[in-house]
Structure formats: C-alpha cells, structure tokens
Protein backbone atom coordinates (compact mmCIF):
# COMPACT_ATOMS: atom_id res chain seq x y z
CA UNK A 1 -6.93 -0.33 -31.43
CA UNK A 2 -8.32 -0.01 -27.59
CA UNK A 3 -10.53 3.15 -26.27
CA UNK A 4 -9.10 4.91 -24.21
CA UNK A 5 -12.08 3.99 -21.48
CA UNK A 6 -10.76 0.17 -22.05
CA UNK A 7 -7.14 1.09 -21.15
CA UNK A 8 -8.33 2.74 -18.21
CA UNK A 9 -10.36 0.03 -17.01
CA UNK A 10 -7.18 -2.20 -17.63
CA UNK A 11 -4.98 -0.13 -15.85
CA UNK A 12 -6.98 -0.04 -12.70
CA UNK A 13 -7.36 -3.96 -12.60
CA UNK A 14 -3.53 -3.95 -13.01
CA UNK A 15 -3.21 -1.50 -10.07
CA UNK A 16 -5.56 -3.68 -8.14
CA UNK A 17 -4.06 -6.60 -8.87
CA UNK A 18 -0.35 -5.63 -7.78
CA UNK A 19 -1.67 -3.77 -4.38
CA UNK A 20 -3.65 -7.00 -3.54
CA UNK A 21 -0.57 -8.75 -4.53
CA UNK A 22 1.70 -6.93 -1.74
CA UNK A 23 -1.32 -6.86 0.39
CA UNK A 24 0.01 -10.63 1.17
CA UNK A 25 3.25 -9.57 2.32
CA UNK A 26 1.35 -7.42 5.19
CA UNK A 27 -0.91 -10.37 7.27
CA UNK A 28 -3.79 -9.93 8.57
CA UNK A 29 -4.43 -9.20 12.69
CA UNK A 30 -5.43 -7.53 15.34
CA UNK A 31 -7.65 -4.52 14.98
CA UNK A 32 -4.18 -2.10 14.55
CA UNK A 33 -2.88 -4.61 12.13
CA UNK A 34 -5.99 -4.65 10.19
CA UNK A 35 -6.24 -0.59 10.47
CA UNK A 36 -2.70 -0.84 8.57
CA UNK A 37 -3.91 -2.69 5.49
CA UNK A 38 -6.93 -0.13 6.01
CA UNK A 39 -4.48 2.49 5.07
CA UNK A 40 -2.02 1.13 2.71
CA UNK A 41 -4.47 -0.14 -0.04
CA UNK A 42 -5.87 3.24 -0.87
CA UNK A 43 -2.79 5.21 -0.29
CA UNK A 44 -0.80 2.68 -2.25
CA UNK A 45 -3.55 2.69 -5.41
CA UNK A 46 -2.95 6.41 -5.72
CA UNK A 47 0.53 6.29 -5.31
CA UNK A 48 -0.07 4.25 -8.57
CA UNK A 49 -2.58 6.60 -10.04
CA UNK A 50 -2.14 8.77 -13.11
CA UNK A 51 -1.63 12.01 -10.53
CA UNK A 52 0.60 10.32 -8.43
CA UNK A 53 4.01 12.08 -7.14
CA UNK A 54 7.29 10.08 -8.97
CA UNK A 55 9.52 7.67 -6.97
CA UNK A 56 7.08 6.88 -4.48
CA UNK A 57 7.97 2.91 -3.51
CA UNK A 58 5.82 0.74 -1.92
CA UNK A 59 8.15 0.83 1.26
CA UNK A 60 6.98 4.95 1.35
CA UNK A 61 3.38 4.16 1.54
CA UNK A 62 4.08 1.45 4.03
CA UNK A 63 6.04 4.01 5.97
CA UNK A 64 2.99 6.18 5.62
CA UNK A 65 1.03 3.71 6.51
CA UNK A 66 2.58 2.89 10.21
CA UNK A 67 2.58 6.55 10.76
CA UNK A 68 -0.89 6.83 10.60
CA UNK A 69 -1.39 3.84 13.12
CA UNK A 70 0.28 4.77 15.37
CA UNK A 71 -1.36 8.05 15.83
CA UNK A 72 -4.24 5.79 17.25
CA UNK A 73 -1.48 3.04 18.47
CA UNK A 74 1.65 4.88 19.39
CA UNK A 75 2.34 1.09 20.82
CA UNK A 76 2.01 -0.56 17.48
CA UNK A 77 4.61 -2.88 16.18
CA UNK A 78 3.64 -3.44 12.53
CA UNK A 79 3.83 -7.04 11.23
CA UNK A 80 4.76 -7.20 7.33
CA UNK A 81 7.24 -9.42 5.01
CA UNK A 82 10.78 -7.66 5.68
CA UNK A 83 12.08 -9.63 2.60
CA UNK A 84 9.72 -8.09 0.71
CA UNK A 85 9.28 -4.82 1.76
CA UNK A 86 12.94 -3.41 2.31
CA UNK A 87 12.43 -0.68 4.43
CA UNK A 88 15.55 1.47 5.72
CA UNK A 89 16.19 2.18 9.48
CA UNK A 90 15.48 5.88 10.14
C-alpha cells in the first residue's frame, strides 16, 4: 500500500505533467504572450488541486488568464491552439 505522501507526490507530478502538456498549446512570444503562459500555469495547477472548485475547465483558466493579461495590455490578442482550447465566443 502506498503511503499518503507518495500518493500526493504522484498526484502533484501528474498535475505538473498535465499543465506542461497544456502549455504546449499556448506558444511563447512577446512579453504579453509569455505573461499569458505565466498566469495560466499556476492558475491551472490550482484548478486541479485538492481545494479546487468543481467543473473548472482548462478553457475557464485560459479565459481568466487572458483577462489578467488584458489589464496590463488592453490591445493584447492572445495566441493559443483553438482546436485544443474550445473557447466559446462571448
């Protein structure tokens, strides 16, 4: 039987791997584009953790991250894989 610590470490590792895979669909770029990636990573990890709100999707986190970037860069046009992130137009 695995210890709870080992299980928690494995879960955390799986979460990091998942987020890193998702980040492959948000390309690096200029300062604002890299800021999007910088917001997305911790927000997405939190959304996958023990205390996460239910039913939060990667698209929800992407939209939240885009909104955060647009506070500093109002003209920002985000770049991301639209086939991977199925964002509904508002």
